[in-house]
PDB file of N, CA and C in Angstrom:
ATOM      1  N   VAL A   1     -72.042 -58.306-130.977  1.00  0.00           N
ATOM      2  CA  VAL A   1     -72.326 -59.689-130.576  1.00  0.00           C
ATOM      3  C   VAL A   1     -71.870 -59.907-129.136  1.00  0.00           C
ATOM      4  N   GLN A   2     -72.734 -60.569-128.371  1.00  0.00           N
ATOM      5  CA  GLN A   2     -72.372 -60.898-126.983  1.00  0.00           C
ATOM      6  C   GLN A   2     -72.573 -62.381-126.733  1.00  0.00           C
ATOM      7  N   LEU A   3     -71.602 -62.967-126.063  1.00  0.00           N
ATOM      8  CA  LEU A   3     -71.708 -64.345-125.607  1.00  0.00           C
ATOM      9  C   LEU A   3     -71.545 -64.314-124.096  1.00  0.00           C
ATOM     10  N   GLN A   4     -72.570 -64.747-123.397  1.00  0.00           N
ATOM     11  CA  GLN A   4     -72.567 -64.676-121.941  1.00  0.00           C
ATOM     12  C   GLN A   4     -72.544 -66.089-121.376  1.00  0.00           C
ATOM     13  N   ALA A   5     -71.398 -66.487-120.847  1.00  0.00           N
ATOM     14  CA  ALA A   5     -71.266 -67.830-120.271  1.00  0.00           C
ATOM     15  C   ALA A   5     -71.608 -67.806-118.796  1.00  0.00           C
ATOM     16  N   SER A   6     -72.212 -68.888-118.337  1.00  0.00           N
ATOM     17  CA  SER A   6     -72.562 -68.999-116.915  1.00  0.00           C
ATOM     18  C   SER A   6     -72.638 -70.471-116.529  1.00  0.00           C
ATOM     19  N   GLY A   7     -72.724 -70.709-115.224  1.00  0.00           N
ATOM     20  CA  GLY A   7     -72.923 -72.067-114.739  1.00  0.00           C
ATOM     21  C   GLY A   7     -71.719 -72.706-114.090  1.00  0.00           C
ATOM     22  N   GLY A   8     -70.580 -72.016-114.081  1.00  0.00           N
ATOM     23  CA  GLY A   8     -69.402 -72.588-113.460  1.00  0.00           C
ATOM     24  C   GLY A   8     -69.540 -72.680-111.948  1.00  0.00           C
ATOM     25  N   GLY A   9     -68.605 -73.381-111.335  1.00  0.00           N
ATOM     26  CA  GLY A   9     -68.632 -73.513-109.896  1.00  0.00           C
ATOM     27  C   GLY A   9     -67.681 -74.596-109.429  1.00  0.00           C
ATOM     28  N   LEU A  10     -67.847 -74.971-108.174  1.00  0.00           N
ATOM     29  CA  LEU A  10     -67.008 -75.998-107.555  1.00  0.00           C
ATOM     30  C   LEU A  10     -67.785 -77.304-107.486  1.00  0.00           C
ATOM     31  N   VAL A  11     -67.150 -78.381-107.925  1.00  0.00           N
ATOM     32  CA  VAL A  11     -67.802 -79.685-107.924  1.00  0.00           C
ATOM     33  C   VAL A  11     -66.759 -80.740-107.576  1.00  0.00           C
ATOM     34  N   GLN A  12     -67.202 -81.809-106.959  1.00  0.00           N
ATOM     35  CA  GLN A  12     -66.288 -82.908-106.643  1.00  0.00           C
ATOM     36  C   GLN A  12     -66.037 -83.769-107.867  1.00  0.00           C
ATOM     37  N   ALA A  13     -64.912 -84.421-107.866  1.00  0.00           N
ATOM     38  CA  ALA A  13     -64.601 -85.348-108.953  1.00  0.00           C
ATOM     39  C   ALA A  13     -65.713 -86.388-109.078  1.00  0.00           C
ATOM     40  N   GLY A  14     -66.074 -86.652-110.319  1.00  0.00           N
ATOM     41  CA  GLY A  14     -67.169 -87.567-110.592  1.00  0.00           C
ATOM     42  C   GLY A  14     -68.514 -86.883-110.726  1.00  0.00           C
ATOM     43  N   GLY A  15     -68.565 -85.623-110.368  1.00  0.00           N
ATOM     44  CA  GLY A  15     -69.820 -84.885-110.421  1.00  0.00           C
ATOM     45  C   GLY A  15     -70.097 -84.307-111.794  1.00  0.00           C
ATOM     46  N   SER A  16     -71.158 -83.506-111.846  1.00  0.00           N
ATOM     47  CA  SER A  16     -71.612 -82.929-113.110  1.00  0.00           C
ATOM     48  C   SER A  16     -71.872 -81.434-112.964  1.00  0.00           C
ATOM     49  N   LEU A  17     -71.754 -80.744-114.071  1.00  0.00           N
ATOM     50  CA  LEU A  17     -72.117 -79.331-114.165  1.00  0.00           C
ATOM     51  C   LEU A  17     -72.644 -79.080-115.564  1.00  0.00           C
ATOM     52  N   ARG A  18     -73.516 -78.080-115.690  1.00  0.00           N
ATOM     53  CA  ARG A  18     -73.954 -77.659-117.007  1.00  0.00           C
ATOM     54  C   ARG A  18     -73.666 -76.176-117.180  1.00  0.00           C
ATOM     55  N   LEU A  19     -72.926 -75.868-118.195  1.00  0.00           N
ATOM     56  CA  LEU A  19     -72.639 -74.483-118.537  1.00  0.00           C
ATOM     57  C   LEU A  19     -73.604 -74.019-119.620  1.00  0.00           C
ATOM     58  N   SER A  20     -73.903 -72.730-119.572  1.00  0.00           N
ATOM     59  CA  SER A  20     -74.765 -72.124-120.582  1.00  0.00           C
ATOM     60  C   SER A  20     -74.028 -70.980-121.247  1.00  0.00           C
ATOM     61  N   CYS A  21     -74.367 -70.728-122.488  1.00  0.00           N
ATOM     62  CA  CYS A  21     -73.817 -69.590-123.228  1.00  0.00           C
ATOM     63  C   CYS A  21     -74.963 -68.931-123.972  1.00  0.00           C
ATOM     64  N   ALA A  22     -75.364 -67.774-123.498  1.00  0.00           N
ATOM     65  CA  ALA A  22     -76.437 -67.019-124.139  1.00  0.00           C
ATOM     66  C   ALA A  22     -75.833 -66.106-125.195  1.00  0.00           C
ATOM     67  N   ALA A  23     -76.291 -66.253-126.417  1.00  0.00           N
ATOM     68  CA  ALA A  23     -75.731 -65.512-127.544  1.00  0.00           C
ATOM     69  C   ALA A  23     -76.725 -64.461-128.031  1.00  0.00           C
ATOM     70  N   SER A  24     -76.215 -63.301-128.395  1.00  0.00           N
ATOM     71  CA  SER A  24     -77.087 -62.238-128.887  1.00  0.00           C
ATOM     72  C   SER A  24     -76.318 -61.332-129.827  1.00  0.00           C
ATOM     73  N   GLY A  25     -77.053 -60.526-130.582  1.00  0.00           N
ATOM     74  CA  GLY A  25     -76.424 -59.528-131.429  1.00  0.00           C
ATOM     75  C   GLY A  25     -76.386 -59.850-132.902  1.00  0.00           C
ATOM     76  N   ARG A  26     -76.680 -61.084-133.260  1.00  0.00           N
ATOM     77  CA  ARG A  26     -76.737 -61.451-134.680  1.00  0.00           C
ATOM     78  C   ARG A  26     -77.412 -62.808-134.772  1.00  0.00           C
ATOM     79  N   THR A  27     -77.738 -63.194-135.998  1.00  0.00           N
ATOM     80  CA  THR A  27     -78.217 -64.553-136.216  1.00  0.00           C
ATOM     81  C   THR A  27     -77.008 -65.458-136.418  1.00  0.00           C
ATOM     82  N   PHE A  28     -77.122 -66.686-135.943  1.00  0.00           N
ATOM     83  CA  PHE A  28     -75.974 -67.594-135.996  1.00  0.00           C
ATOM     84  C   PHE A  28     -76.172 -68.732-136.994  1.00  0.00           C
ATOM     85  N   THR A  29     -77.077 -68.513-137.931  1.00  0.00           N
ATOM     86  CA  THR A  29     -77.264 -69.498-138.982  1.00  0.00           C
ATOM     87  C   THR A  29     -75.940 -69.721-139.696  1.00  0.00           C
ATOM     88  N   ASN A  30     -75.599 -70.994-139.907  1.00  0.00           N
ATOM     89  CA  ASN A  30     -74.341 -71.386-140.568  1.00  0.00           C
ATOM     90  C   ASN A  30     -73.100 -71.074-139.728  1.00  0.00           C
ATOM     91  N   TRP A  31     -73.276 -70.869-138.469  1.00  0.00           N
ATOM     92  CA  TRP A  31     -72.130 -70.649-137.582  1.00  0.00           C
ATOM     93  C   TRP A  31     -71.869 -71.872-136.715  1.00  0.00           C
ATOM     94  N   HIS A  32     -70.639 -71.925-136.182  1.00  0.00           N
ATOM     95  CA  HIS A  32     -70.265 -72.927-135.197  1.00  0.00           C
ATOM     96  C   HIS A  32     -70.171 -72.246-133.836  1.00  0.00           C
ATOM     97  N   MET A  33     -70.695 -72.907-132.842  1.00  0.00           N
ATOM     98  CA  MET A  33     -70.578 -72.432-131.477  1.00  0.00           C
ATOM     99  C   MET A  33     -69.700 -73.421-130.733  1.00  0.00           C
ATOM    100  N   GLY A  34     -68.722 -72.916-130.026  1.00  0.00           N
ATOM    101  CA  GLY A  34     -67.775 -73.831-129.399  1.00  0.00           C
ATOM    102  C   GLY A  34     -67.493 -73.509-127.951  1.00  0.00           C
ATOM    103  N   TRP A  35     -66.815 -74.451-127.332  1.00  0.00           N
ATOM    104  CA  TRP A  35     -66.326 -74.266-125.969  1.00  0.00           C
ATOM    105  C   TRP A  35     -64.822 -74.494-125.977  1.00  0.00           C
ATOM    106  N   VAL A  36     -64.130 -73.589-125.326  1.00  0.00           N
ATOM    107  CA  VAL A  36     -62.673 -73.647-125.211  1.00  0.00           C
ATOM    108  C   VAL A  36     -62.355 -73.433-123.737  1.00  0.00           C
ATOM    109  N   ARG A  37     -61.370 -74.128-123.224  1.00  0.00           N
ATOM    110  CA  ARG A  37     -61.039 -73.961-121.810  1.00  0.00           C
ATOM    111  C   ARG A  37     -59.569 -73.624-121.644  1.00  0.00           C
ATOM    112  N   GLN A  38     -59.272 -73.004-120.511  1.00  0.00           N
ATOM    113  CA  GLN A  38     -57.882 -72.677-120.192  1.00  0.00           C
ATOM    114  C   GLN A  38     -57.630 -72.997-118.732  1.00  0.00           C
ATOM    115  N   ALA A  39     -56.781 -73.979-118.515  1.00  0.00           N
ATOM    116  CA  ALA A  39     -56.398 -74.360-117.157  1.00  0.00           C
ATOM    117  C   ALA A  39     -55.288 -73.429-116.672  1.00  0.00           C
ATOM    118  N   PRO A  40     -55.132 -73.293-115.365  1.00  0.00           N
ATOM    119  CA  PRO A  40     -54.091 -72.413-114.829  1.00  0.00           C
ATOM    120  C   PRO A  40     -52.710 -72.776-115.361  1.00  0.00           C
ATOM    121  N   GLY A  41     -52.036 -71.791-115.923  1.00  0.00           N
ATOM    122  CA  GLY A  41     -50.685 -72.000-116.417  1.00  0.00           C
ATOM    123  C   GLY A  41     -50.583 -72.738-117.727  1.00  0.00           C
ATOM    124  N   LYS A  42     -51.717 -72.984-118.368  1.00  0.00           N
ATOM    125  CA  LYS A  42     -51.699 -73.729-119.631  1.00  0.00           C
ATOM    126  C   LYS A  42     -52.334 -72.918-120.751  1.00  0.00           C
ATOM    127  N   GLU A  43     -52.121 -73.364-121.968  1.00  0.00           N
ATOM    128  CA  GLU A  43     -52.713 -72.697-123.122  1.00  0.00           C
ATOM    129  C   GLU A  43     -54.178 -73.097-123.253  1.00  0.00           C
ATOM    130  N   ARG A  44     -54.886 -72.300-124.013  1.00  0.00           N
ATOM    131  CA  ARG A  44     -56.289 -72.617-124.263  1.00  0.00           C
ATOM    132  C   ARG A  44     -56.393 -73.931-125.016  1.00  0.00           C
ATOM    133  N   GLU A  45     -57.436 -74.674-124.679  1.00  0.00           N
ATOM    134  CA  GLU A  45     -57.640 -75.999-125.258  1.00  0.00           C
ATOM    135  C   GLU A  45     -59.057 -76.093-125.805  1.00  0.00           C
ATOM    136  N   PHE A  46     -59.172 -76.542-127.032  1.00  0.00           N
ATOM    137  CA  PHE A  46     -60.479 -76.766-127.635  1.00  0.00           C
ATOM    138  C   PHE A  46     -61.192 -77.895-126.915  1.00  0.00           C
ATOM    139  N   VAL A  47     -62.475 -77.672-126.582  1.00  0.00           N
ATOM    140  CA  VAL A  47     -63.281 -78.695-125.913  1.00  0.00           C
ATOM    141  C   VAL A  47     -64.239 -79.356-126.905  1.00  0.00           C
ATOM    142  N   GLY A  48     -64.983 -78.554-127.613  1.00  0.00           N
ATOM    143  CA  GLY A  48     -65.934 -79.099-128.572  1.00  0.00           C
ATOM    144  C   GLY A  48     -66.709 -77.991-129.244  1.00  0.00           C
ATOM    145  N   ARG A  49     -67.495 -78.356-130.245  1.00  0.00           N
ATOM    146  CA  ARG A  49     -68.290 -77.369-130.958  1.00  0.00           C
ATOM    147  C   ARG A  49     -69.572 -78.006-131.481  1.00  0.00           C
ATOM    148  N   ILE A  50     -70.493 -77.138-131.863  1.00  0.00           N
ATOM    149  CA  ILE A  50     -71.756 -77.590-132.418  1.00  0.00           C
ATOM    150  C   ILE A  50     -72.126 -76.663-133.566  1.00  0.00           C
ATOM    151  N   THR A  51     -72.680 -77.228-134.613  1.00  0.00           N
ATOM    152  CA  THR A  51     -73.158 -76.397-135.719  1.00  0.00           C
ATOM    153  C   THR A  51     -74.558 -75.908-135.387  1.00  0.00           C
ATOM    154  N   TRP A  52     -74.767 -74.616-135.625  1.00  0.00           N
ATOM    155  CA  TRP A  52     -76.023 -74.023-135.216  1.00  0.00           C
ATOM    156  C   TRP A  52     -77.218 -74.632-135.952  1.00  0.00           C
ATOM    157  N   ASN A  53     -77.050 -74.861-137.255  1.00  0.00           N
ATOM    158  CA  ASN A  53     -78.181 -75.322-138.057  1.00  0.00           C
ATOM    159  C   ASN A  53     -78.587 -76.752-137.723  1.00  0.00           C
ATOM    160  N   LEU A  54     -77.635 -77.682-137.847  1.00  0.00           N
ATOM    161  CA  LEU A  54     -77.964 -79.101-137.737  1.00  0.00           C
ATOM    162  C   LEU A  54     -77.700 -79.680-136.350  1.00  0.00           C
ATOM    163  N   GLY A  55     -76.950 -78.970-135.544  1.00  0.00           N
ATOM    164  CA  GLY A  55     -76.639 -79.504-134.222  1.00  0.00           C
ATOM    165  C   GLY A  55     -75.578 -80.585-134.245  1.00  0.00           C
ATOM    166  N   THR A  56     -74.802 -80.640-135.297  1.00  0.00           N
ATOM    167  CA  THR A  56     -73.716 -81.611-135.379  1.00  0.00           C
ATOM    168  C   THR A  56     -72.626 -81.234-134.389  1.00  0.00           C
ATOM    169  N   THR A  57     -72.128 -82.233-133.667  1.00  0.00           N
ATOM    170  CA  THR A  57     -71.140 -81.950-132.631  1.00  0.00           C
ATOM    171  C   THR A  57     -69.799 -82.625-132.928  1.00  0.00           C
ATOM    172  N   TYR A  58     -68.772 -82.042-132.323  1.00  0.00           N
ATOM    173  CA  TYR A  58     -67.420 -82.591-132.432  1.00  0.00           C
ATOM    174  C   TYR A  58     -66.713 -82.289-131.123  1.00  0.00           C
ATOM    175  N   TYR A  59     -65.969 -83.271-130.599  1.00  0.00           N
ATOM    176  CA  TYR A  59     -65.337 -83.117-129.294  1.00  0.00           C
ATOM    177  C   TYR A  59     -63.851 -83.459-129.338  1.00  0.00           C
ATOM    178  N   SER A  60     -63.119 -82.873-128.425  1.00  0.00           N
ATOM    179  CA  SER A  60     -61.735 -83.274-128.250  1.00  0.00           C
ATOM    180  C   SER A  60     -61.708 -84.654-127.587  1.00  0.00           C
ATOM    181  N   ASP A  61     -60.626 -85.364-127.788  1.00  0.00           N
ATOM    182  CA  ASP A  61     -60.510 -86.704-127.211  1.00  0.00           C
ATOM    183  C   ASP A  61     -60.560 -86.674-125.689  1.00  0.00           C
ATOM    184  N   SER A  62     -60.111 -85.576-125.090  1.00  0.00           N
ATOM    185  CA  SER A  62     -60.034 -85.507-123.637  1.00  0.00           C
ATOM    186  C   SER A  62     -61.409 -85.442-122.966  1.00  0.00           C
ATOM    187  N   VAL A  63     -62.442 -85.066-123.712  1.00  0.00           N
ATOM    188  CA  VAL A  63     -63.772 -84.951-123.101  1.00  0.00           C
ATOM    189  C   VAL A  63     -64.809 -85.848-123.767  1.00  0.00           C
ATOM    190  N   LYS A  64     -64.433 -86.486-124.850  1.00  0.00           N
ATOM    191  CA  LYS A  64     -65.382 -87.316-125.594  1.00  0.00           C
ATOM    192  C   LYS A  64     -65.963 -88.395-124.694  1.00  0.00           C
ATOM    193  N   GLY A  65     -67.271 -88.525-124.735  1.00  0.00           N
ATOM    194  CA  GLY A  65     -67.944 -89.519-123.908  1.00  0.00           C
ATOM    195  C   GLY A  65     -68.347 -89.010-122.539  1.00  0.00           C
ATOM    196  N   ARG A  66     -67.817 -87.867-122.139  1.00  0.00           N
ATOM    197  CA  ARG A  66     -68.154 -87.279-120.835  1.00  0.00           C
ATOM    198  C   ARG A  66     -68.903 -85.953-120.980  1.00  0.00           C
ATOM    199  N   PHE A  67     -68.579 -85.202-122.000  1.00  0.00           N
ATOM    200  CA  PHE A  67     -69.184 -83.884-122.213  1.00  0.00           C
ATOM    201  C   PHE A  67     -70.135 -83.948-123.405  1.00  0.00           C
ATOM    202  N   THR A  68     -71.204 -83.164-123.325  1.00  0.00           N
ATOM    203  CA  THR A  68     -72.168 -83.091-124.416  1.00  0.00           C
ATOM    204  C   THR A  68     -72.532 -81.634-124.670  1.00  0.00           C
ATOM    205  N   ILE A  69     -72.448 -81.223-125.918  1.00  0.00           N
ATOM    206  CA  ILE A  69     -72.841 -79.864-126.309  1.00  0.00           C
ATOM    207  C   ILE A  69     -74.199 -79.944-126.993  1.00  0.00           C
ATOM    208  N   SER A  70     -75.055 -79.012-126.634  1.00  0.00           N
ATOM    209  CA  SER A  70     -76.367 -78.913-127.276  1.00  0.00           C
ATOM    210  C   SER A  70     -76.702 -77.445-127.457  1.00  0.00           C
ATOM    211  N   ARG A  71     -77.764 -77.191-128.235  1.00  0.00           N
ATOM    212  CA  ARG A  71     -78.183 -75.793-128.385  1.00  0.00           C
ATOM    213  C   ARG A  71     -79.690 -75.723-128.458  1.00  0.00           C
ATOM    214  N   ASP A  72     -80.191 -74.588-128.012  1.00  0.00           N
ATOM    215  CA  ASP A  72     -81.610 -74.271-128.091  1.00  0.00           C
ATOM    216  C   ASP A  72     -81.717 -73.049-128.989  1.00  0.00           C
ATOM    217  N   THR A  73     -82.117 -73.268-130.227  1.00  0.00           N
ATOM    218  CA  THR A  73     -82.132 -72.162-131.179  1.00  0.00           C
ATOM    219  C   THR A  73     -83.190 -71.125-130.832  1.00  0.00           C
ATOM    220  N   ALA A  74     -84.255 -71.529-130.174  1.00  0.00           N
ATOM    221  CA  ALA A  74     -85.300 -70.580-129.792  1.00  0.00           C
ATOM    222  C   ALA A  74     -84.795 -69.626-128.709  1.00  0.00           C
ATOM    223  N   LYS A  75     -83.902 -70.125-127.848  1.00  0.00           N
ATOM    224  CA  LYS A  75     -83.359 -69.297-126.771  1.00  0.00           C
ATOM    225  C   LYS A  75     -82.001 -68.719-127.117  1.00  0.00           C
ATOM    226  N   ASN A  76     -81.481 -69.042-128.292  1.00  0.00           N
ATOM    227  CA  ASN A  76     -80.138 -68.595-128.689  1.00  0.00           C
ATOM    228  C   ASN A  76     -79.100 -68.944-127.628  1.00  0.00           C
ATOM    229  N   THR A  77     -79.180 -70.161-127.150  1.00  0.00           N
ATOM    230  CA  THR A  77     -78.317 -70.593-126.057  1.00  0.00           C
ATOM    231  C   THR A  77     -77.659 -71.926-126.395  1.00  0.00           C
ATOM    232  N   VAL A  78     -76.398 -72.021-126.034  1.00  0.00           N
ATOM    233  CA  VAL A  78     -75.625 -73.251-126.202  1.00  0.00           C
ATOM    234  C   VAL A  78     -75.280 -73.774-124.815  1.00  0.00           C
ATOM    235  N   TYR A  79     -75.290 -75.092-124.671  1.00  0.00           N
ATOM    236  CA  TYR A  79     -75.029 -75.712-123.385  1.00  0.00           C
ATOM    237  C   TYR A  79     -73.837 -76.659-123.477  1.00  0.00           C
ATOM    238  N   LEU A  80     -73.152 -76.785-122.354  1.00  0.00           N
ATOM    239  CA  LEU A  80     -72.092 -77.775-122.222  1.00  0.00           C
ATOM    240  C   LEU A  80     -72.396 -78.592-120.965  1.00  0.00           C
ATOM    241  N   GLN A  81     -72.883 -79.806-121.180  1.00  0.00           N
ATOM    242  CA  GLN A  81     -73.143 -80.714-120.075  1.00  0.00           C
ATOM    243  C   GLN A  81     -71.877 -81.503-119.792  1.00  0.00           C
ATOM    244  N   MET A  82     -71.383 -81.377-118.580  1.00  0.00           N
ATOM    245  CA  MET A  82     -70.126 -82.037-118.212  1.00  0.00           C
ATOM    246  C   MET A  82     -70.406 -83.077-117.137  1.00  0.00           C
ATOM    247  N   ASN A  83     -70.140 -84.317-117.453  1.00  0.00           N
ATOM    248  CA  ASN A  83     -70.332 -85.421-116.522  1.00  0.00           C
ATOM    249  C   ASN A  83     -68.993 -86.085-116.206  1.00  0.00           C
ATOM    250  N   SER A  84     -68.981 -86.864-115.148  1.00  0.00           N
ATOM    251  CA  SER A  84     -67.768 -87.588-114.749  1.00  0.00           C
ATOM    252  C   SER A  84     -66.564 -86.658-114.713  1.00  0.00           C
ATOM    253  N   LEU A  85     -66.745 -85.534-114.074  1.00  0.00           N
ATOM    254  CA  LEU A  85     -65.692 -84.523-114.054  1.00  0.00           C
ATOM    255  C   LEU A  85     -64.454 -85.011-113.314  1.00  0.00           C
ATOM    256  N   LYS A  86     -63.304 -84.567-113.802  1.00  0.00           N
ATOM    257  CA  LYS A  86     -62.015 -84.927-113.230  1.00  0.00           C
ATOM    258  C   LYS A  86     -61.304 -83.653-112.776  1.00  0.00           C
ATOM    259  N   PRO A  87     -60.382 -83.760-111.843  1.00  0.00           N
ATOM    260  CA  PRO A  87     -59.635 -82.567-111.431  1.00  0.00           C
ATOM    261  C   PRO A  87     -58.939 -81.878-112.603  1.00  0.00           C
ATOM    262  N   GLU A  88     -58.522 -82.624-113.589  1.00  0.00           N
ATOM    263  CA  GLU A  88     -57.858 -82.017-114.753  1.00  0.00           C
ATOM    264  C   GLU A  88     -58.819 -81.245-115.653  1.00  0.00           C
ATOM    265  N   ASP A  89     -60.108 -81.310-115.374  1.00  0.00           N
ATOM    266  CA  ASP A  89     -61.077 -80.484-116.099  1.00  0.00           C
ATOM    267  C   ASP A  89     -61.163 -79.071-115.516  1.00  0.00           C
ATOM    268  N   THR A  90     -60.487 -78.838-114.409  1.00  0.00           N
ATOM    269  CA  THR A  90     -60.487 -77.515-113.804  1.00  0.00           C
ATOM    270  C   THR A  90     -59.911 -76.490-114.773  1.00  0.00           C
ATOM    271  N   ALA A  91     -60.692 -75.447-115.047  1.00  0.00           N
ATOM    272  CA  ALA A  91     -60.282 -74.446-116.031  1.00  0.00           C
ATOM    273  C   ALA A  91     -61.333 -73.346-116.080  1.00  0.00           C
ATOM    274  N   VAL A  92     -60.962 -72.275-116.738  1.00  0.00           N
ATOM    275  CA  VAL A  92     -61.957 -71.281-117.141  1.00  0.00           C
ATOM    276  C   VAL A  92     -62.491 -71.727-118.499  1.00  0.00           C
ATOM    277  N   TYR A  93     -63.799 -71.816-118.595  1.00  0.00           N
ATOM    278  CA  TYR A  93     -64.447 -72.274-119.820  1.00  0.00           C
ATOM    279  C   TYR A  93     -65.032 -71.077-120.552  1.00  0.00           C
ATOM    280  N   TYR A  94     -64.682 -70.985-121.817  1.00  0.00           N
ATOM    281  CA  TYR A  94     -65.152 -69.894-122.668  1.00  0.00           C
ATOM    282  C   TYR A  94     -66.047 -70.452-123.768  1.00  0.00           C
ATOM    283  N   CYS A  95     -67.131 -69.751-124.039  1.00  0.00           N
ATOM    284  CA  CYS A  95     -67.865 -70.072-125.245  1.00  0.00           C
ATOM    285  C   CYS A  95     -67.380 -69.137-126.352  1.00  0.00           C
ATOM    286  N   ALA A  96     -67.475 -69.619-127.583  1.00  0.00           N
ATOM    287  CA  ALA A  96     -66.953 -68.867-128.715  1.00  0.00           C
ATOM    288  C   ALA A  96     -67.798 -69.164-129.936  1.00  0.00           C
ATOM    289  N   ALA A  97     -67.683 -68.282-130.929  1.00  0.00           N
ATOM    290  CA  ALA A  97     -68.459 -68.437-132.153  1.00  0.00           C
ATOM    291  C   ALA A  97     -67.602 -68.082-133.362  1.00  0.00           C
ATOM    292  N   ARG A  98     -67.834 -68.816-134.437  1.00  0.00           N
ATOM    293  CA  ARG A  98     -67.147 -68.528-135.699  1.00  0.00           C
ATOM    294  C   ARG A  98     -68.068 -68.947-136.838  1.00  0.00           C
ATOM    295  N   SER A  99     -67.871 -68.348-137.980  1.00  0.00           N
ATOM    296  CA  SER A  99     -68.647 -68.758-139.141  1.00  0.00           C
ATOM    297  C   SER A  99     -68.161 -70.132-139.586  1.00  0.00           C
ATOM    298  N   SER A 100     -68.988 -70.847-140.292  1.00  0.00           N
ATOM    299  CA  SER A 100     -68.683 -72.237-140.617  1.00  0.00           C
ATOM    300  C   SER A 100     -67.438 -72.379-141.481  1.00  0.00           C
ATOM    301  N   GLY A 101     -67.090 -71.347-142.240  1.00  0.00           N
ATOM    302  CA  GLY A 101     -65.921 -71.431-143.097  1.00  0.00           C
ATOM    303  C   GLY A 101     -64.646 -70.911-142.471  1.00  0.00           C
ATOM    304  N   ALA A 102     -64.736 -70.434-141.248  1.00  0.00           N
ATOM    305  CA  ALA A 102     -63.572 -69.817-140.607  1.00  0.00           C
ATOM    306  C   ALA A 102     -62.788 -70.816-139.767  1.00  0.00           C
ATOM    307  N   TYR A 103     -61.525 -70.505-139.543  1.00  0.00           N
ATOM    308  CA  TYR A 103     -60.677 -71.343-138.689  1.00  0.00           C
ATOM    309  C   TYR A 103     -60.627 -70.789-137.273  1.00  0.00           C
ATOM    310  N   ASP A 104     -60.499 -69.490-137.164  1.00  0.00           N
ATOM    311  CA  ASP A 104     -60.384 -68.860-135.849  1.00  0.00           C
ATOM    312  C   ASP A 104     -61.751 -68.499-135.293  1.00  0.00           C
ATOM    313  N   TRP A 105     -61.846 -68.545-133.957  1.00  0.00           N
ATOM    314  CA  TRP A 105     -63.058 -68.106-133.286  1.00  0.00           C
ATOM    315  C   TRP A 105     -63.124 -66.586-133.346  1.00  0.00           C
ATOM    316  N   LYS A 106     -64.272 -66.063-133.785  1.00  0.00           N
ATOM    317  CA  LYS A 106     -64.392 -64.617-133.963  1.00  0.00           C
ATOM    318  C   LYS A 106     -64.898 -63.923-132.705  1.00  0.00           C
ATOM    319  N   TYR A 107     -65.835 -64.537-132.035  1.00  0.00           N
ATOM    320  CA  TYR A 107     -66.422 -63.931-130.848  1.00  0.00           C
ATOM    321  C   TYR A 107     -66.179 -64.838-129.638  1.00  0.00           C
ATOM    322  N   TRP A 108     -65.932 -64.186-128.496  1.00  0.00           N
ATOM    323  CA  TRP A 108     -65.653 -64.919-127.267  1.00  0.00           C
ATOM    324  C   TRP A 108     -66.541 -64.405-126.148  1.00  0.00           C
ATOM    325  N   GLY A 109     -66.955 -65.309-125.271  1.00  0.00           N
ATOM    326  CA  GLY A 109     -67.609 -64.923-124.036  1.00  0.00           C
ATOM    327  C   GLY A 109     -66.565 -64.611-122.983  1.00  0.00           C
ATOM    328  N   GLN A 110     -67.029 -64.247-121.811  1.00  0.00           N
ATOM    329  CA  GLN A 110     -66.120 -63.782-120.777  1.00  0.00           C
ATOM    330  C   GLN A 110     -65.520 -64.905-119.950  1.00  0.00           C
ATOM    331  N   GLY A 111     -65.996 -66.112-120.063  1.00  0.00           N
ATOM    332  CA  GLY A 111     -65.433 -67.234-119.330  1.00  0.00           C
ATOM    333  C   GLY A 111     -66.134 -67.475-118.012  1.00  0.00           C
ATOM    334  N   THR A 112     -66.198 -68.734-117.637  1.00  0.00           N
ATOM    335  CA  THR A 112     -66.766 -69.120-116.343  1.00  0.00           C
ATOM    336  C   THR A 112     -65.874 -70.216-115.761  1.00  0.00           C
ATOM    337  N   LEU A 113     -65.563 -70.069-114.465  1.00  0.00           N
ATOM    338  CA  LEU A 113     -64.590 -70.950-113.826  1.00  0.00           C
ATOM    339  C   LEU A 113     -65.247 -72.238-113.340  1.00  0.00           C
ATOM    340  N   VAL A 114     -64.631 -73.344-113.706  1.00  0.00           N
ATOM    341  CA  VAL A 114     -65.037 -74.658-113.214  1.00  0.00           C
ATOM    342  C   VAL A 114     -63.882 -75.228-112.402  1.00  0.00           C
ATOM    343  N   THR A 115     -64.160 -75.573-111.168  1.00  0.00           N
ATOM    344  CA  THR A 115     -63.143 -76.161-110.296  1.00  0.00           C
ATOM    345  C   THR A 115     -63.614 -77.542-109.855  1.00  0.00           C
ATOM    346  N   VAL A 116     -62.792 -78.539-110.128  1.00  0.00           N
ATOM    347  CA  VAL A 116     -63.139 -79.914-109.763  1.00  0.00           C
ATOM    348  C   VAL A 116     -62.179 -80.365-108.672  1.00  0.00           C
ATOM    349  N   SER A 117     -62.719 -80.653-107.512  1.00  0.00           N
ATOM    350  CA  SER A 117     -61.887 -81.074-106.393  1.00  0.00           C
ATOM    351  C   SER A 117     -61.762 -82.595-106.369  1.00  0.00           C
ATOM    352  N   SER A 118     -60.621 -83.055-105.889  1.00  0.00           N
ATOM    353  CA  SER A 118     -60.379 -84.514-105.851  1.00  0.00           C
ATOM    354  C   SER A 118     -60.835 -85.119-104.537  1.00  0.00           C
TER     355      SER A 118
END
């Protein structure tokens, strides 16, 4: 299984970015696809997730209302639309996958850096 994240970069506070995660190597029916971030010197933080089948989403309080996760099942790709970015959103963003009954993320992408300048 491969998860390939892309789309990171430098953006000013208040701006937007869209990250992509191309998934391959298995079918993801009944799986959750998620985004996790790690800021410099901090632990990894859950951002949000989406269920592959129904597209149901769930977000952390820190990004709710600003970030949106979606998926394109035909392209096997998950997206993270980030709006109203803040400097505290600066982090390496990882996409991850787990089966719907699991607690831990089983597969991880390589991460893409998002830097938000003030």
